[in-house]
Amino acid sequence: MGRGMASRTVWLNGRLMPEEQAKVSALDYGCLYGYGLFETLRAYGGRVFRLERHLDRLARGAALLGIPVSIQGLDAAVAQTLRGNGLSDARIRISASLGPGPTTPDPSACREASVLVLAEAYAPPSETAYQRGYHVQVSSIRRSSHSPLSRLKSANFMESLLARQEARVAGLDESLLLNERGLLAEASVSNVFVLSDGRLATPSVESGALPGITREVVLELVRREGAVVAERHVQLEELFQATEAFLTNSLVELMPLTEVDGRPIGLGMRGALTQRLHAAYRKLVEAS
């Protein structure tokens, strides 16, 4: 914490406290083995969009991994953390780990999970950034569609971090990950949608894609219009031949994908469908 900066308030295991007082055991399995989950959420005007869906996903993941976490009261914890930091438009992170245990790996010996809620001010990308869209590359990292972690927002996030770092080193915005069969899975922190021959598609969960909350909202919006969107295997070549494409996550919402490996997607600019769906998404946020 820099000199003269106000201390951030965090919520840890049931209570608010200054960030510098928040302590997690050195033997926590989140620290030792990356045994945990997290959710990234966005607050608009003090209201957290799709909070219940994020908490549901956290609960499902915790049940699968055997992390003894209850989501009861976490909505209040998020609200307290926002108020404690005087935030309205914010990025929120909920982290849940298995808790402390022996250094010899034995998850069954862990008895008390650790739950942390963080919040910080968030400024979305500029309108210029949305007009330009993201320039990305295909990562050398592969996403295993057979791994249970591909369906979880796991704290074991090394593959995505390595892919994201590849993009940063190359001066790009994001990296796309293929699965072991060479099919499009997702980006390092985003889901992918592709419009080709007038048909919208997104890689299926079976392809190795995380069932993203923003992805879910976009699927709802498209189907509400009576249009068809397919969740299926997507070949990389389809992306290069697409009319337009975009990425989704809770922070950037819908970001046009305009260049991959130096090749323009469509006209190399934000497409009409992407813009229309993004406007519909923002109306849904305002109405929530």
C-alpha atoms as a PDB file:
ATOM      1  CA  MET A   1       0.000   0.000   0.000  1.00  0.00           C
ATOM      2  CA  GLY A   2       1.547   3.264  -1.105  1.00  0.00           C
ATOM      3  CA  ARG A   3       2.149   6.042   1.405  1.00  0.00           C
ATOM      4  CA  GLY A   4      -0.860   8.327   1.683  1.00  0.00           C
ATOM      5  CA  MET A   5      -3.229   5.856  -0.014  1.00  0.00           C
ATOM      6  CA  ALA A   6      -6.372   4.801   1.822  1.00  0.00           C
ATOM      7  CA  SER A   7      -6.495   1.173   2.895  1.00  0.00           C
ATOM      8  CA  ARG A   8      -8.844  -1.013   0.893  1.00  0.00           C
ATOM      9  CA  THR A   9     -11.532  -2.871   2.819  1.00  0.00           C
ATOM     10  CA  VAL A  10     -11.978  -6.572   2.126  1.00  0.00           C
ATOM     11  CA  TRP A  11     -14.391  -9.232   3.366  1.00  0.00           C
ATOM     12  CA  LEU A  12     -12.724 -12.379   4.675  1.00  0.00           C
ATOM     13  CA  ASN A  13     -14.444 -15.344   6.316  1.00  0.00           C
ATOM     14  CA  GLY A  14     -17.406 -13.437   7.636  1.00  0.00           C
ATOM     15  CA  ARG A  15     -16.174  -9.950   8.405  1.00  0.00           C
ATOM     16  CA  LEU A  16     -14.894  -6.735   6.865  1.00  0.00           C
ATOM     17  CA  MET A  17     -11.366  -5.630   7.618  1.00  0.00           C
ATOM     18  CA  PRO A  18      -8.567  -3.481   6.208  1.00  0.00           C
ATOM     19  CA  GLU A  19      -6.682  -5.263   3.447  1.00  0.00           C
ATOM     20  CA  GLU A  20      -3.430  -5.351   5.400  1.00  0.00           C
ATOM     21  CA  GLN A  21      -5.157  -7.220   8.252  1.00  0.00           C
ATOM     22  CA  ALA A  22      -6.603  -9.921   6.002  1.00  0.00           C
ATOM     23  CA  LYS A  23      -4.636 -13.097   6.661  1.00  0.00           C
ATOM     24  CA  VAL A  24      -5.020 -16.546   5.109  1.00  0.00           C
ATOM     25  CA  SER A  25      -3.089 -19.548   6.395  1.00  0.00           C
ATOM     26  CA  ALA A  26       0.200 -20.354   4.667  1.00  0.00           C
ATOM     27  CA  LEU A  27      -1.112 -23.929   4.575  1.00  0.00           C
ATOM     28  CA  ASP A  28      -4.269 -22.978   2.688  1.00  0.00           C
ATOM     29  CA  TYR A  29      -4.711 -25.344  -0.258  1.00  0.00           C
ATOM     30  CA  GLY A  30      -5.518 -22.376  -2.459  1.00  0.00           C
ATOM     31  CA  CYS A  31      -1.956 -21.213  -1.833  1.00  0.00           C
ATOM     32  CA  LEU A  32      -0.270 -24.627  -1.833  1.00  0.00           C
ATOM     33  CA  TYR A  33      -2.089 -26.262  -4.739  1.00  0.00           C
ATOM     34  CA  GLY A  34      -4.376 -23.723  -6.397  1.00  0.00           C
ATOM     35  CA  TYR A  35      -7.326 -25.642  -4.943  1.00  0.00           C
ATOM     36  CA  GLY A  36     -10.064 -23.091  -5.192  1.00  0.00           C
ATOM     37  CA  LEU A  37     -12.539 -21.150  -7.291  1.00  0.00           C
ATOM     38  CA  PHE A  38     -13.204 -17.523  -8.083  1.00  0.00           C
ATOM     39  CA  GLU A  39     -15.847 -15.333  -9.671  1.00  0.00           C
ATOM     40  CA  THR A  40     -15.344 -11.941 -11.291  1.00  0.00           C
ATOM     41  CA  LEU A  41     -18.373  -9.658 -11.251  1.00  0.00           C
ATOM     42  CA  ARG A  42     -19.199  -6.117 -12.266  1.00  0.00           C
ATOM     43  CA  ALA A  43     -21.238  -3.562 -10.345  1.00  0.00           C
ATOM     44  CA  TYR A  44     -23.100  -0.788 -12.139  1.00  0.00           C
ATOM     45  CA  GLY A  45     -24.300   2.067  -9.963  1.00  0.00           C
ATOM     46  CA  GLY A  46     -23.938  -0.119  -6.895  1.00  0.00           C
ATOM     47  CA  ARG A  47     -25.946  -3.011  -8.395  1.00  0.00           C
ATOM     48  CA  VAL A  48     -24.121  -6.226  -9.241  1.00  0.00           C
ATOM     49  CA  PHE A  49     -25.229  -7.690 -12.551  1.00  0.00           C
ATOM     50  CA  ARG A  50     -26.293 -11.342 -12.448  1.00  0.00           C
ATOM     51  CA  LEU A  51     -24.950 -11.818  -8.943  1.00  0.00           C
ATOM     52  CA  GLU A  52     -27.201 -14.817  -8.342  1.00  0.00           C
ATOM     53  CA  ARG A  53     -25.896 -16.590 -11.455  1.00  0.00           C
ATOM     54  CA  HIS A  54     -22.291 -16.074 -10.364  1.00  0.00           C
ATOM     55  CA  LEU A  55     -23.100 -17.415  -6.915  1.00  0.00           C
ATOM     56  CA  ASP A  56     -24.908 -20.415  -8.410  1.00  0.00           C
ATOM     57  CA  ARG A  57     -21.845 -21.223 -10.523  1.00  0.00           C
ATOM     58  CA  LEU A  58     -19.614 -20.863  -7.479  1.00  0.00           C
ATOM     59  CA  ALA A  59     -21.858 -23.235  -5.518  1.00  0.00           C
ATOM     60  CA  ARG A  60     -21.859 -25.827  -8.308  1.00  0.00           C
ATOM     61  CA  GLY A  61     -18.088 -25.683  -8.619  1.00  0.00           C
ATOM     62  CA  ALA A  62     -17.603 -25.905  -4.858  1.00  0.00           C
ATOM     63  CA  ALA A  63     -19.844 -28.966  -4.691  1.00  0.00           C
ATOM     64  CA  LEU A  64     -17.876 -30.637  -7.483  1.00  0.00           C
ATOM     65  CA  LEU A  65     -14.525 -29.923  -5.817  1.00  0.00           C
ATOM     66  CA  GLY A  66     -15.711 -30.675  -2.288  1.00  0.00           C
ATOM     67  CA  ILE A  67     -15.069 -27.137  -1.011  1.00  0.00           C
ATOM     68  CA  PRO A  68     -17.320 -26.605   2.034  1.00  0.00           C
ATOM     69  CA  VAL A  69     -18.652 -23.189   1.031  1.00  0.00           C
ATOM     70  CA  SER A  70     -22.171 -21.890   1.475  1.00  0.00           C
ATOM     71  CA  ILE A  71     -23.268 -19.052  -0.771  1.00  0.00           C
ATOM     72  CA  GLN A  72     -25.820 -17.989   1.806  1.00  0.00           C
ATOM     73  CA  GLY A  73     -24.954 -14.454   2.862  1.00  0.00           C
ATOM     74  CA  LEU A  74     -22.409 -13.885   0.103  1.00  0.00           C
ATOM     75  CA  ASP A  75     -24.736 -11.414  -1.602  1.00  0.00           C
ATOM     76  CA  ALA A  76     -24.685  -9.356   1.602  1.00  0.00           C
ATOM     77  CA  ALA A  77     -20.897  -9.747   1.794  1.00  0.00           C
ATOM     78  CA  VAL A  78     -20.549  -8.287  -1.699  1.00  0.00           C
ATOM     79  CA  ALA A  79     -22.819  -5.356  -0.793  1.00  0.00           C
ATOM     80  CA  GLN A  80     -20.851  -4.712   2.408  1.00  0.00           C
ATOM     81  CA  THR A  81     -17.560  -4.747   0.509  1.00  0.00           C
ATOM     82  CA  LEU A  82     -18.852  -2.235  -2.017  1.00  0.00           C
ATOM     83  CA  ARG A  83     -20.119   0.070   0.741  1.00  0.00           C
ATOM     84  CA  GLY A  84     -16.955  -0.377   2.776  1.00  0.00           C
ATOM     85  CA  ASN A  85     -14.913   0.934  -0.131  1.00  0.00           C
ATOM     86  CA  GLY A  86     -17.386   3.608  -1.177  1.00  0.00           C
ATOM     87  CA  LEU A  87     -17.719   2.047  -4.624  1.00  0.00           C
ATOM     88  CA  SER A  88     -20.505   2.226  -7.159  1.00  0.00           C
ATOM     89  CA  ASP A  89     -19.015   1.107 -10.492  1.00  0.00           C
ATOM     90  CA  ALA A  90     -16.682  -1.686  -9.575  1.00  0.00           C
ATOM     91  CA  ARG A  91     -14.897  -4.901 -10.346  1.00  0.00           C
ATOM     92  CA  ILE A  92     -15.609  -7.550  -7.709  1.00  0.00           C
ATOM     93  CA  ARG A  93     -13.825 -10.815  -7.086  1.00  0.00           C
ATOM     94  CA  ILE A  94     -15.060 -13.644  -4.869  1.00  0.00           C
ATOM     95  CA  SER A  95     -12.459 -16.284  -4.056  1.00  0.00           C
ATOM     96  CA  ALA A  96     -13.121 -19.570  -2.275  1.00  0.00           C
ATOM     97  CA  SER A  97     -10.403 -22.073  -1.404  1.00  0.00           C
ATOM     98  CA  LEU A  98     -10.360 -25.426   0.339  1.00  0.00           C
ATOM     99  CA  GLY A  99      -8.677 -23.959   3.390  1.00  0.00           C
ATOM    100  CA  PRO A 100      -5.687 -25.110   5.444  1.00  0.00           C
ATOM    101  CA  GLY A 101      -4.478 -28.691   5.476  1.00  0.00           C
ATOM    102  CA  PRO A 102      -1.352 -30.842   5.636  1.00  0.00           C
ATOM    103  CA  THR A 103       1.554 -30.139   3.277  1.00  0.00           C
ATOM    104  CA  THR A 104       1.241 -33.698   2.020  1.00  0.00           C
ATOM    105  CA  PRO A 105      -1.693 -33.462  -0.426  1.00  0.00           C
ATOM    106  CA  ASP A 106      -4.855 -34.654   1.312  1.00  0.00           C
ATOM    107  CA  PRO A 107      -7.944 -32.586   0.466  1.00  0.00           C
ATOM    108  CA  SER A 108     -10.071 -34.709   2.785  1.00  0.00           C
ATOM    109  CA  ALA A 109      -8.102 -33.325   5.748  1.00  0.00           C
ATOM    110  CA  CYS A 110      -9.192 -29.742   5.018  1.00  0.00           C
ATOM    111  CA  ARG A 111     -12.107 -28.748   7.228  1.00  0.00           C
ATOM    112  CA  GLU A 112     -12.653 -24.983   6.885  1.00  0.00           C
ATOM    113  CA  ALA A 113     -12.794 -23.138   3.584  1.00  0.00           C
ATOM    114  CA  SER A 114     -11.512 -19.592   3.095  1.00  0.00           C
ATOM    115  CA  VAL A 115     -13.753 -17.053   1.352  1.00  0.00           C
ATOM    116  CA  LEU A 116     -12.527 -13.625   0.279  1.00  0.00           C
ATOM    117  CA  VAL A 117     -14.397 -10.747  -1.372  1.00  0.00           C
ATOM    118  CA  LEU A 118     -12.476  -7.896  -3.024  1.00  0.00           C
ATOM    119  CA  ALA A 119     -13.778  -4.803  -4.805  1.00  0.00           C
ATOM    120  CA  GLU A 120     -12.037  -2.034  -6.711  1.00  0.00           C
ATOM    121  CA  ALA A 121     -13.078   0.822  -8.971  1.00  0.00           C
ATOM    122  CA  TYR A 122     -13.524  -0.209 -12.581  1.00  0.00           C
ATOM    123  CA  ALA A 123     -13.422   1.926 -15.709  1.00  0.00           C
ATOM    124  CA  PRO A 124     -14.633   0.047 -18.814  1.00  0.00           C
ATOM    125  CA  PRO A 125     -12.859   0.232 -22.172  1.00  0.00           C
ATOM    126  CA  SER A 126     -13.431   3.423 -24.145  1.00  0.00           C
ATOM    127  CA  GLU A 127     -15.843   3.682 -27.055  1.00  0.00           C
ATOM    128  CA  THR A 128     -12.774   3.951 -29.277  1.00  0.00           C
ATOM    129  CA  ALA A 129     -11.589   0.576 -27.957  1.00  0.00           C
ATOM    130  CA  TYR A 130     -14.948  -0.997 -28.765  1.00  0.00           C
ATOM    131  CA  GLN A 131     -14.867   0.467 -32.271  1.00  0.00           C
ATOM    132  CA  ARG A 132     -11.363  -0.872 -32.856  1.00  0.00           C
ATOM    133  CA  GLY A 133     -12.001  -4.220 -31.220  1.00  0.00           C
ATOM    134  CA  TYR A 134      -9.428  -6.674 -29.910  1.00  0.00           C
ATOM    135  CA  HIS A 135      -6.423  -7.873 -31.876  1.00  0.00           C
ATOM    136  CA  VAL A 136      -5.535 -11.375 -30.725  1.00  0.00           C
ATOM    137  CA  GLN A 137      -3.404 -14.378 -31.496  1.00  0.00           C
ATOM    138  CA  VAL A 138      -3.904 -18.107 -31.331  1.00  0.00           C
ATOM    139  CA  SER A 139      -2.026 -19.283 -28.252  1.00  0.00           C
ATOM    140  CA  SER A 140       0.473 -22.119 -28.153  1.00  0.00           C
ATOM    141  CA  ILE A 141      -1.366 -23.271 -25.005  1.00  0.00           C
ATOM    142  CA  ARG A 142      -4.057 -25.915 -25.510  1.00  0.00           C
ATOM    143  CA  ARG A 143      -7.215 -26.279 -23.450  1.00  0.00           C
ATOM    144  CA  SER A 144      -8.089 -29.887 -22.595  1.00  0.00           C
ATOM    145  CA  SER A 145     -11.775 -30.487 -23.218  1.00  0.00           C
ATOM    146  CA  HIS A 146     -11.519 -33.586 -21.026  1.00  0.00           C
ATOM    147  CA  SER A 147     -10.328 -31.696 -17.958  1.00  0.00           C
ATOM    148  CA  PRO A 148     -12.995 -30.869 -15.360  1.00  0.00           C
ATOM    149  CA  LEU A 149     -11.154 -27.569 -14.818  1.00  0.00           C
ATOM    150  CA  SER A 150     -12.246 -26.320 -18.246  1.00  0.00           C
ATOM    151  CA  ARG A 151     -15.806 -26.115 -16.890  1.00  0.00           C
ATOM    152  CA  LEU A 152     -14.817 -24.415 -13.643  1.00  0.00           C
ATOM    153  CA  LYS A 153     -13.693 -20.899 -12.756  1.00  0.00           C
ATOM    154  CA  SER A 154     -10.724 -22.495 -11.067  1.00  0.00           C
ATOM    155  CA  ALA A 155      -8.055 -20.712  -9.032  1.00  0.00           C
ATOM    156  CA  ASN A 156      -5.672 -23.019 -10.880  1.00  0.00           C
ATOM    157  CA  PHE A 157      -5.502 -20.412 -13.639  1.00  0.00           C
ATOM    158  CA  MET A 158      -1.989 -20.983 -14.947  1.00  0.00           C
ATOM    159  CA  GLU A 159      -2.919 -21.964 -18.510  1.00  0.00           C
ATOM    160  CA  SER A 160      -4.974 -18.804 -18.984  1.00  0.00           C
ATOM    161  CA  LEU A 161      -2.294 -16.625 -17.406  1.00  0.00           C
ATOM    162  CA  LEU A 162       0.383 -18.067 -19.690  1.00  0.00           C
ATOM    163  CA  ALA A 163      -1.821 -17.531 -22.734  1.00  0.00           C
ATOM    164  CA  ARG A 164      -2.594 -13.987 -21.631  1.00  0.00           C
ATOM    165  CA  GLN A 165       1.093 -13.278 -21.090  1.00  0.00           C
ATOM    166  CA  GLU A 166       1.848 -14.510 -24.615  1.00  0.00           C
ATOM    167  CA  ALA A 167      -0.568 -11.877 -25.908  1.00  0.00           C
ATOM    168  CA  ARG A 168       0.962  -9.125 -23.777  1.00  0.00           C
ATOM    169  CA  VAL A 169       4.482  -9.950 -24.959  1.00  0.00           C
ATOM    170  CA  ALA A 170       3.246  -9.804 -28.554  1.00  0.00           C
ATOM    171  CA  GLY A 171       1.579  -6.434 -27.947  1.00  0.00           C
ATOM    172  CA  LEU A 172      -1.910  -7.912 -28.399  1.00  0.00           C
ATOM    173  CA  ASP A 173      -5.121  -7.758 -26.415  1.00  0.00           C
ATOM    174  CA  GLU A 174      -5.929 -11.442 -25.930  1.00  0.00           C
ATOM    175  CA  SER A 175      -5.069 -15.027 -26.817  1.00  0.00           C
ATOM    176  CA  LEU A 176      -7.394 -17.680 -28.191  1.00  0.00           C
ATOM    177  CA  LEU A 177      -7.047 -21.228 -26.924  1.00  0.00           C
ATOM    178  CA  LEU A 178      -7.724 -24.290 -29.047  1.00  0.00           C
ATOM    179  CA  ASN A 179      -8.467 -27.654 -27.501  1.00  0.00           C
ATOM    180  CA  GLU A 180      -6.514 -30.861 -27.999  1.00  0.00           C
ATOM    181  CA  ARG A 181      -8.373 -31.491 -31.288  1.00  0.00           C
ATOM    182  CA  GLY A 182      -7.544 -28.051 -32.689  1.00  0.00           C
ATOM    183  CA  LEU A 183     -11.085 -26.766 -32.193  1.00  0.00           C
ATOM    184  CA  LEU A 184     -11.763 -23.283 -30.844  1.00  0.00           C
ATOM    185  CA  ALA A 185     -12.395 -23.379 -27.086  1.00  0.00           C
ATOM    186  CA  GLU A 186     -12.255 -19.843 -25.657  1.00  0.00           C
ATOM    187  CA  ALA A 187      -9.967 -16.898 -25.031  1.00  0.00           C
ATOM    188  CA  SER A 188      -7.799 -16.628 -21.937  1.00  0.00           C
ATOM    189  CA  VAL A 189     -10.453 -14.719 -19.965  1.00  0.00           C
ATOM    190  CA  SER A 190     -13.368 -14.626 -22.410  1.00  0.00           C
ATOM    191  CA  ASN A 191     -15.830 -16.710 -24.382  1.00  0.00           C
ATOM    192  CA  VAL A 192     -15.961 -16.444 -28.173  1.00  0.00           C
ATOM    193  CA  PHE A 193     -18.861 -15.939 -30.603  1.00  0.00           C
ATOM    194  CA  VAL A 194     -18.531 -16.262 -34.379  1.00  0.00           C
ATOM    195  CA  LEU A 195     -20.968 -15.111 -37.097  1.00  0.00           C
ATOM    196  CA  SER A 196     -20.519 -17.060 -40.307  1.00  0.00           C
ATOM    197  CA  ASP A 197     -22.940 -17.411 -43.237  1.00  0.00           C
ATOM    198  CA  GLY A 198     -25.482 -15.457 -41.201  1.00  0.00           C
ATOM    199  CA  ARG A 199     -25.385 -17.983 -38.347  1.00  0.00           C
ATOM    200  CA  LEU A 200     -24.070 -17.269 -34.877  1.00  0.00           C
ATOM    201  CA  ALA A 201     -22.136 -19.937 -32.985  1.00  0.00           C
ATOM    202  CA  THR A 202     -20.094 -20.265 -29.821  1.00  0.00           C
ATOM    203  CA  PRO A 203     -17.847 -23.166 -28.778  1.00  0.00           C
ATOM    204  CA  SER A 204     -19.739 -25.690 -26.683  1.00  0.00           C
ATOM    205  CA  VAL A 205     -18.807 -26.470 -23.109  1.00  0.00           C
ATOM    206  CA  GLU A 206     -17.788 -29.890 -24.414  1.00  0.00           C
ATOM    207  CA  SER A 207     -15.159 -28.118 -26.547  1.00  0.00           C
ATOM    208  CA  GLY A 208     -13.450 -26.888 -23.370  1.00  0.00           C
ATOM    209  CA  ALA A 209     -15.243 -23.556 -22.986  1.00  0.00           C
ATOM    210  CA  LEU A 210     -16.157 -22.183 -19.582  1.00  0.00           C
ATOM    211  CA  PRO A 211     -19.934 -21.722 -19.241  1.00  0.00           C
ATOM    212  CA  GLY A 212     -19.532 -17.964 -18.856  1.00  0.00           C
ATOM    213  CA  ILE A 213     -22.254 -15.824 -17.290  1.00  0.00           C
ATOM    214  CA  THR A 214     -22.019 -13.145 -20.014  1.00  0.00           C
ATOM    215  CA  ARG A 215     -22.014 -15.928 -22.610  1.00  0.00           C
ATOM    216  CA  GLU A 216     -25.241 -17.166 -21.035  1.00  0.00           C
ATOM    217  CA  VAL A 217     -26.803 -13.690 -21.217  1.00  0.00           C
ATOM    218  CA  VAL A 218     -25.893 -13.325 -24.899  1.00  0.00           C
ATOM    219  CA  LEU A 219     -27.453 -16.703 -25.667  1.00  0.00           C
ATOM    220  CA  GLU A 220     -30.626 -15.513 -23.916  1.00  0.00           C
ATOM    221  CA  LEU A 221     -30.672 -12.234 -25.845  1.00  0.00           C
ATOM    222  CA  VAL A 222     -30.254 -13.916 -29.223  1.00  0.00           C
ATOM    223  CA  ARG A 223     -32.940 -16.500 -28.534  1.00  0.00           C
ATOM    224  CA  ARG A 224     -35.280 -13.846 -27.171  1.00  0.00           C
ATOM    225  CA  GLU A 225     -35.124 -12.223 -30.609  1.00  0.00           C
ATOM    226  CA  GLY A 226     -36.205 -15.513 -32.137  1.00  0.00           C
ATOM    227  CA  ALA A 227     -32.815 -15.983 -33.768  1.00  0.00           C
ATOM    228  CA  VAL A 228     -30.762 -19.150 -33.742  1.00  0.00           C
ATOM    229  CA  VAL A 229     -27.407 -19.516 -32.028  1.00  0.00           C
ATOM    230  CA  ALA A 230     -25.538 -22.815 -31.929  1.00  0.00           C
ATOM    231  CA  GLU A 231     -23.380 -24.144 -29.106  1.00  0.00           C
ATOM    232  CA  ARG A 232     -21.141 -26.526 -31.012  1.00  0.00           C
ATOM    233  CA  HIS A 233     -17.657 -27.423 -32.157  1.00  0.00           C
ATOM    234  CA  VAL A 234     -16.143 -24.454 -33.989  1.00  0.00           C
ATOM    235  CA  GLN A 235     -13.249 -24.860 -36.389  1.00  0.00           C
ATOM    236  CA  LEU A 236     -10.537 -22.184 -36.318  1.00  0.00           C
ATOM    237  CA  GLU A 237     -10.951 -21.692 -40.065  1.00  0.00           C
ATOM    238  CA  GLU A 238     -14.566 -20.629 -39.442  1.00  0.00           C
ATOM    239  CA  LEU A 239     -13.257 -17.695 -37.448  1.00  0.00           C
ATOM    240  CA  PHE A 240     -11.021 -16.543 -40.296  1.00  0.00           C
ATOM    241  CA  GLN A 241     -13.971 -16.776 -42.692  1.00  0.00           C
ATOM    242  CA  ALA A 242     -16.438 -15.105 -40.318  1.00  0.00           C
ATOM    243  CA  THR A 243     -18.374 -11.952 -41.072  1.00  0.00           C
ATOM    244  CA  GLU A 244     -17.775 -10.792 -37.501  1.00  0.00           C
ATOM    245  CA  ALA A 245     -16.841 -12.153 -34.099  1.00  0.00           C
ATOM    246  CA  PHE A 246     -16.777 -10.986 -30.500  1.00  0.00           C
ATOM    247  CA  LEU A 247     -15.574 -11.929 -27.028  1.00  0.00           C
ATOM    248  CA  THR A 248     -17.634 -11.879 -23.838  1.00  0.00           C
ATOM    249  CA  ASN A 249     -16.915 -11.570 -20.141  1.00  0.00           C
ATOM    250  CA  SER A 250     -18.429  -9.738 -17.198  1.00  0.00           C
ATOM    251  CA  LEU A 251     -16.050  -6.783 -17.357  1.00  0.00           C
ATOM    252  CA  VAL A 252     -15.805  -5.895 -21.054  1.00  0.00           C
ATOM    253  CA  GLU A 253     -19.327  -7.217 -21.808  1.00  0.00           C
ATOM    254  CA  LEU A 254     -19.143  -7.751 -25.605  1.00  0.00           C
ATOM    255  CA  MET A 255     -15.832  -6.839 -27.212  1.00  0.00           C
ATOM    256  CA  PRO A 256     -15.493  -7.036 -31.007  1.00  0.00           C
ATOM    257  CA  LEU A 257     -12.845  -9.475 -32.208  1.00  0.00           C
ATOM    258  CA  THR A 258     -11.419  -7.773 -35.275  1.00  0.00           C
ATOM    259  CA  GLU A 259      -8.015  -9.338 -35.946  1.00  0.00           C
ATOM    260  CA  VAL A 260      -6.522 -12.796 -35.334  1.00  0.00           C
ATOM    261  CA  ASP A 261      -2.879 -13.592 -36.049  1.00  0.00           C
ATOM    262  CA  GLY A 262      -2.647 -10.402 -38.101  1.00  0.00           C
ATOM    263  CA  ARG A 263      -5.632 -11.334 -40.283  1.00  0.00           C
ATOM    264  CA  PRO A 264      -8.757  -9.153 -40.181  1.00  0.00           C
ATOM    265  CA  ILE A 265     -12.056 -10.723 -39.185  1.00  0.00           C
ATOM    266  CA  GLY A 266     -14.769  -9.589 -41.570  1.00  0.00           C
ATOM    267  CA  LEU A 267     -14.108  -5.934 -42.353  1.00  0.00           C
ATOM    268  CA  GLY A 268     -11.679  -5.659 -39.450  1.00  0.00           C
ATOM    269  CA  MET A 269     -14.076  -3.512 -37.443  1.00  0.00           C
ATOM    270  CA  ARG A 270     -17.027  -3.867 -35.065  1.00  0.00           C
ATOM    271  CA  GLY A 271     -19.884  -5.645 -36.820  1.00  0.00           C
ATOM    272  CA  ALA A 272     -23.572  -4.714 -36.849  1.00  0.00           C
ATOM    273  CA  LEU A 273     -24.705  -7.784 -34.892  1.00  0.00           C
ATOM    274  CA  THR A 274     -22.052  -7.266 -32.239  1.00  0.00           C
ATOM    275  CA  GLN A 275     -23.112  -3.649 -31.820  1.00  0.00           C
ATOM    276  CA  ARG A 276     -26.814  -4.541 -31.643  1.00  0.00           C
ATOM    277  CA  LEU A 277     -26.303  -7.299 -29.098  1.00  0.00           C
ATOM    278  CA  HIS A 278     -24.060  -5.062 -26.989  1.00  0.00           C
ATOM    279  CA  ALA A 279     -26.756  -2.378 -26.933  1.00  0.00           C
ATOM    280  CA  ALA A 280     -29.314  -5.002 -25.867  1.00  0.00           C
ATOM    281  CA  TYR A 281     -26.954  -6.224 -23.158  1.00  0.00           C
ATOM    282  CA  ARG A 282     -26.576  -2.707 -21.744  1.00  0.00           C
ATOM    283  CA  LYS A 283     -30.344  -2.212 -21.744  1.00  0.00           C
ATOM    284  CA  LEU A 284     -30.667  -5.417 -19.750  1.00  0.00           C
ATOM    285  CA  VAL A 285     -28.078  -4.141 -17.277  1.00  0.00           C
ATOM    286  CA  GLU A 286     -29.963  -0.859 -16.898  1.00  0.00           C
ATOM    287  CA  ALA A 287     -33.226  -2.692 -16.299  1.00  0.00           C
ATOM    288  CA  SER A 288     -31.811  -5.035 -13.689  1.00  0.00           C
END
